[in-house]
C-alpha atoms as a PDB file:
ATOM      1  CA  MET A   1       0.000   0.000   0.000  1.00  0.00           C
ATOM      2  CA  PRO A   2       1.370   3.471  -0.906  1.00  0.00           C
ATOM      3  CA  THR A   3       2.425   5.704   1.978  1.00  0.00           C
ATOM      4  CA  ARG A   4       3.536   9.262   2.540  1.00  0.00           C
ATOM      5  CA  LYS A   5       7.087   9.705   3.816  1.00  0.00           C
ATOM      6  CA  ASN A   6       6.567  12.852   5.911  1.00  0.00           C
ATOM      7  CA  LYS A   7       4.820  16.216   6.128  1.00  0.00           C
ATOM      8  CA  THR A   8       5.793  18.885   3.602  1.00  0.00           C
ATOM      9  CA  SER A   9       6.763  22.454   4.297  1.00  0.00           C
ATOM     10  CA  PRO A  10       4.517  25.346   3.234  1.00  0.00           C
ATOM     11  CA  VAL A  11       4.948  27.053  -0.130  1.00  0.00           C
ATOM     12  CA  LYS A  12       7.897  29.398  -0.135  1.00  0.00           C
ATOM     13  CA  LYS A  13       7.064  33.008   0.571  1.00  0.00           C
ATOM     14  CA  GLU A  14       9.782  33.991  -1.915  1.00  0.00           C
ATOM     15  CA  GLU A  15       7.592  32.835  -4.804  1.00  0.00           C
ATOM     16  CA  ASP A  16       4.655  34.886  -3.514  1.00  0.00           C
ATOM     17  CA  GLU A  17       6.901  37.907  -3.073  1.00  0.00           C
ATOM     18  CA  LYS A  18       8.115  37.600  -6.678  1.00  0.00           C
ATOM     19  CA  GLN A  19       4.531  37.586  -7.898  1.00  0.00           C
ATOM     20  CA  ASP A  20       3.690  40.549  -5.677  1.00  0.00           C
ATOM     21  CA  LYS A  21       6.661  42.451  -7.103  1.00  0.00           C
ATOM     22  CA  ALA A  22       5.342  41.804 -10.613  1.00  0.00           C
ATOM     23  CA  THR A  23       1.929  43.160  -9.651  1.00  0.00           C
ATOM     24  CA  VAL A  24       3.468  46.190  -7.948  1.00  0.00           C
ATOM     25  CA  LYS A  25       5.595  46.875 -11.024  1.00  0.00           C
ATOM     26  CA  PHE A  26       2.548  46.591 -13.294  1.00  0.00           C
ATOM     27  CA  ARG A  27       0.439  48.843 -11.043  1.00  0.00           C
ATOM     28  CA  SER A  28       3.200  51.456 -10.922  1.00  0.00           C
ATOM     29  CA  ALA A  29       2.749  51.903 -14.681  1.00  0.00           C
ATOM     30  CA  PHE A  30      -0.990  51.149 -14.849  1.00  0.00           C
ATOM     31  CA  PRO A  31      -2.948  52.207 -11.758  1.00  0.00           C
ATOM     32  CA  LYS A  32      -6.097  50.270 -10.893  1.00  0.00           C
ATOM     33  CA  VAL A  33      -9.117  51.505 -12.834  1.00  0.00           C
ATOM     34  CA  ARG A  34     -11.966  52.781 -10.675  1.00  0.00           C
ATOM     35  CA  ILE A  35     -15.550  51.605 -11.012  1.00  0.00           C
ATOM     36  CA  PRO A  36     -17.307  53.927 -13.481  1.00  0.00           C
ATOM     37  CA  GLU A  37     -19.863  56.280 -11.967  1.00  0.00           C
ATOM     38  CA  GLY A  38     -23.546  55.967 -12.706  1.00  0.00           C
ATOM     39  CA  GLY A  39     -23.865  52.197 -12.477  1.00  0.00           C
ATOM     40  CA  LEU A  40     -23.944  49.655 -15.261  1.00  0.00           C
ATOM     41  CA  PRO A  41     -25.287  50.964 -18.569  1.00  0.00           C
ATOM     42  CA  PHE A  42     -28.371  49.412 -20.088  1.00  0.00           C
ATOM     43  CA  SER A  43     -28.709  48.924 -23.821  1.00  0.00           C
ATOM     44  CA  LYS A  44     -32.176  48.603 -25.294  1.00  0.00           C
ATOM     45  CA  VAL A  45     -32.849  45.746 -27.670  1.00  0.00           C
ATOM     46  CA  LYS A  46     -33.886  48.202 -30.395  1.00  0.00           C
ATOM     47  CA  ILE A  47     -30.986  50.617 -30.490  1.00  0.00           C
ATOM     48  CA  SER A  48     -32.191  52.197 -33.737  1.00  0.00           C
ATOM     49  CA  HIS A  49     -34.666  54.245 -31.657  1.00  0.00           C
ATOM     50  CA  ILE A  50     -31.902  55.832 -29.565  1.00  0.00           C
ATOM     51  CA  SER A  51     -30.748  59.309 -30.633  1.00  0.00           C
ATOM     52  CA  SER A  52     -27.175  59.622 -31.903  1.00  0.00           C
ATOM     53  CA  ASP A  53     -26.177  61.742 -28.903  1.00  0.00           C
ATOM     54  CA  LYS A  54     -27.532  59.179 -26.440  1.00  0.00           C
ATOM     55  CA  LEU A  55     -25.913  56.409 -28.459  1.00  0.00           C
ATOM     56  CA  GLY A  56     -22.569  58.205 -28.166  1.00  0.00           C
ATOM     57  CA  ASP A  57     -23.080  58.527 -24.399  1.00  0.00           C
ATOM     58  CA  LEU A  58     -23.962  54.843 -24.187  1.00  0.00           C
ATOM     59  CA  ILE A  59     -20.777  53.931 -26.076  1.00  0.00           C
ATOM     60  CA  ALA A  60     -18.758  56.043 -23.634  1.00  0.00           C
ATOM     61  CA  GLN A  61     -20.404  54.310 -20.659  1.00  0.00           C
ATOM     62  CA  TYR A  62     -19.791  50.842 -22.087  1.00  0.00           C
ATOM     63  CA  SER A  63     -16.197  51.796 -22.920  1.00  0.00           C
ATOM     64  CA  ALA A  64     -15.596  52.843 -19.305  1.00  0.00           C
ATOM     65  CA  TRP A  65     -17.112  49.606 -18.003  1.00  0.00           C
ATOM     66  CA  ARG A  66     -15.130  47.560 -20.512  1.00  0.00           C
ATOM     67  CA  GLU A  67     -11.907  49.240 -19.371  1.00  0.00           C
ATOM     68  CA  TYR A  68     -12.789  48.550 -15.726  1.00  0.00           C
ATOM     69  CA  CYS A  69     -13.655  44.939 -16.538  1.00  0.00           C
ATOM     70  CA  GLU A  70     -10.431  44.536 -18.507  1.00  0.00           C
ATOM     71  CA  ASP A  71      -8.485  45.762 -15.477  1.00  0.00           C
ATOM     72  CA  CYS A  72     -10.327  43.239 -13.278  1.00  0.00           C
ATOM     73  CA  HIS A  73      -9.515  40.560 -15.844  1.00  0.00           C
ATOM     74  CA  ILE A  74      -5.802  41.372 -15.683  1.00  0.00           C
ATOM     75  CA  SER A  75      -5.909  41.088 -11.897  1.00  0.00           C
ATOM     76  CA  ALA A  76      -7.905  37.855 -12.052  1.00  0.00           C
ATOM     77  CA  VAL A  77      -5.425  36.246 -14.442  1.00  0.00           C
ATOM     78  CA  SER A  78      -2.551  37.327 -12.212  1.00  0.00           C
ATOM     79  CA  GLU A  79      -4.228  35.942  -9.082  1.00  0.00           C
ATOM     80  CA  TYR A  80      -5.058  32.683 -10.853  1.00  0.00           C
ATOM     81  CA  THR A  81      -1.461  32.317 -12.048  1.00  0.00           C
ATOM     82  CA  VAL A  82      -0.123  32.794  -8.510  1.00  0.00           C
ATOM     83  CA  ALA A  83      -2.648  30.268  -7.126  1.00  0.00           C
ATOM     84  CA  LYS A  84      -1.827  27.766  -9.893  1.00  0.00           C
ATOM     85  CA  ALA A  85       1.905  28.042  -9.213  1.00  0.00           C
ATOM     86  CA  ALA A  86       1.373  27.465  -5.477  1.00  0.00           C
ATOM     87  CA  TYR A  87      -0.909  24.496  -6.174  1.00  0.00           C
ATOM     88  CA  ASP A  88       1.475  22.930  -8.706  1.00  0.00           C
ATOM     89  CA  GLU A  89       4.441  23.344  -6.384  1.00  0.00           C
ATOM     90  CA  MET A  90       2.648  21.740  -3.445  1.00  0.00           C
ATOM     91  CA  MET A  91       1.319  18.915  -5.624  1.00  0.00           C
ATOM     92  CA  GLY A  92       4.852  18.242  -6.814  1.00  0.00           C
ATOM     93  CA  ARG A  93       6.171  18.214  -3.262  1.00  0.00           C
ATOM     94  CA  GLU A  94       3.438  15.866  -2.110  1.00  0.00           C
ATOM     95  CA  MET A  95       3.885  13.510  -5.058  1.00  0.00           C
ATOM     96  CA  VAL A  96       7.607  13.180  -4.335  1.00  0.00           C
ATOM     97  CA  LEU A  97       6.812  12.057  -0.791  1.00  0.00           C
ATOM     98  CA  ILE A  98       4.377   9.333  -1.850  1.00  0.00           C
ATOM     99  CA  SER A  99       5.798   5.874  -2.458  1.00  0.00           C
ATOM    100  CA  ALA A 100       3.182   4.656  -4.923  1.00  0.00           C
ATOM    101  CA  GLY A 101       3.788   2.726  -8.092  1.00  0.00           C
ATOM    102  CA  ASP A 102       2.196   4.954 -10.718  1.00  0.00           C
ATOM    103  CA  VAL A 103       1.667   8.672 -11.345  1.00  0.00           C
ATOM    104  CA  THR A 104      -2.144   8.453 -11.273  1.00  0.00           C
ATOM    105  CA  THR A 105      -2.110   7.041  -7.754  1.00  0.00           C
ATOM    106  CA  LYS A 106       0.413   9.634  -6.611  1.00  0.00           C
ATOM    107  CA  LYS A 107      -1.717  12.465  -8.002  1.00  0.00           C
ATOM    108  CA  ALA A 108      -4.854  11.121  -6.366  1.00  0.00           C
ATOM    109  CA  MET A 109      -3.147  10.782  -2.999  1.00  0.00           C
ATOM    110  CA  ALA A 110      -1.438  14.176  -3.281  1.00  0.00           C
ATOM    111  CA  GLN A 111      -4.787  15.863  -3.985  1.00  0.00           C
ATOM    112  CA  GLN A 112      -6.074  14.525  -0.651  1.00  0.00           C
ATOM    113  CA  ALA A 113      -3.141  15.928   1.349  1.00  0.00           C
ATOM    114  CA  ASP A 114      -3.987  18.556   3.950  1.00  0.00           C
ATOM    115  CA  SER A 115      -1.457  20.943   2.425  1.00  0.00           C
ATOM    116  CA  VAL A 116      -3.014  20.672  -1.064  1.00  0.00           C
ATOM    117  CA  LYS A 117      -6.761  20.855  -0.277  1.00  0.00           C
ATOM    118  CA  PRO A 118      -6.861  24.580   0.635  1.00  0.00           C
ATOM    119  CA  LEU A 119      -4.702  25.428  -2.384  1.00  0.00           C
ATOM    120  CA  SER A 120      -7.049  23.420  -4.599  1.00  0.00           C
ATOM    121  CA  LYS A 121     -10.063  25.331  -3.260  1.00  0.00           C
ATOM    122  CA  THR A 122      -8.308  28.675  -3.747  1.00  0.00           C
ATOM    123  CA  LEU A 123      -7.299  27.702  -7.277  1.00  0.00           C
ATOM    124  CA  LEU A 124     -10.892  26.786  -8.148  1.00  0.00           C
ATOM    125  CA  GLU A 125     -12.223  30.078  -6.745  1.00  0.00           C
ATOM    126  CA  LYS A 126      -9.635  32.108  -8.691  1.00  0.00           C
ATOM    127  CA  GLU A 127     -10.416  30.193 -11.885  1.00  0.00           C
ATOM    128  CA  LEU A 128     -14.174  30.727 -11.516  1.00  0.00           C
ATOM    129  CA  TYR A 129     -13.743  34.462 -10.928  1.00  0.00           C
ATOM    130  CA  TRP A 130     -11.370  34.706 -13.887  1.00  0.00           C
ATOM    131  CA  LYS A 131     -13.882  32.960 -16.172  1.00  0.00           C
ATOM    132  CA  MET A 132     -16.783  35.125 -14.984  1.00  0.00           C
ATOM    133  CA  ILE A 133     -14.786  38.311 -15.566  1.00  0.00           C
ATOM    134  CA  SER A 134     -13.656  36.986 -18.941  1.00  0.00           C
ATOM    135  CA  ASN A 135     -17.261  36.366 -20.001  1.00  0.00           C
ATOM    136  CA  LYS A 136     -18.355  39.831 -18.841  1.00  0.00           C
ATOM    137  CA  LEU A 137     -15.446  41.411 -20.694  1.00  0.00           C
ATOM    138  CA  GLU A 138     -16.490  39.596 -23.853  1.00  0.00           C
ATOM    139  CA  SER A 139     -20.077  40.764 -23.334  1.00  0.00           C
ATOM    140  CA  PHE A 140     -19.019  44.413 -22.992  1.00  0.00           C
ATOM    141  CA  THR A 141     -16.818  44.084 -26.091  1.00  0.00           C
ATOM    142  CA  ASN A 142     -19.658  42.565 -28.136  1.00  0.00           C
ATOM    143  CA  THR A 143     -22.111  45.264 -27.026  1.00  0.00           C
ATOM    144  CA  LEU A 144     -19.619  47.991 -27.921  1.00  0.00           C
ATOM    145  CA  THR A 145     -19.187  46.446 -31.364  1.00  0.00           C
ATOM    146  CA  ILE A 146     -22.949  46.496 -31.951  1.00  0.00           C
ATOM    147  CA  LEU A 147     -23.309  50.098 -30.720  1.00  0.00           C
ATOM    148  CA  SER A 148     -20.378  51.249 -32.831  1.00  0.00           C
ATOM    149  CA  ARG A 149     -21.829  49.575 -35.925  1.00  0.00           C
ATOM    150  CA  GLU A 150     -25.145  51.326 -35.335  1.00  0.00           C
ATOM    151  CA  LEU A 151     -23.422  54.692 -35.081  1.00  0.00           C
ATOM    152  CA  THR A 152     -21.446  53.938 -38.261  1.00  0.00           C
ATOM    153  CA  ARG A 153     -24.629  52.757 -40.026  1.00  0.00           C
ATOM    154  CA  ARG A 154     -26.126  56.167 -39.378  1.00  0.00           C
ATOM    155  CA  GLY A 155     -23.256  57.775 -41.230  1.00  0.00           C
ATOM    156  CA  ILE A 156     -21.577  59.304 -38.189  1.00  0.00           C
ATOM    157  CA  ILE A 157     -17.851  58.711 -37.969  1.00  0.00           C
ATOM    158  CA  ASN A 158     -17.007  57.165 -34.622  1.00  0.00           C
ATOM    159  CA  VAL A 159     -13.517  58.444 -33.850  1.00  0.00           C
END
């Protein structure tokens, strides 16, 4: 029967600090985007009935929300990457300590280790948030494309 040799040490703080330095460096050049004022914009199904001025305002609102969402997406990807690295490192450490015959068994046992379970949960949460933000970003981008096409269809140059 496969056994674990001994308890592993926690993930090195050095790795976390490297990731934090990358985020700090990024944020020094690109500060966090604030939530746009006025709440989420609402686009009617029939946008042909909206005046050109209101359509332009709506495009500006969606552009602000898309930029905010894009900033959240960048953060989400960064957080997911850090969580994935921590999870992979701990899985590797746990697998080395298991004296099982095949890789599948080692992976299954490593996933049940007390040191891996919280990292697995964190990784899943980060991945879910990343995917939700990604879908919202795509939605804002698609809506902006439709609004821009409508403005162009009317013969107004959207610069």
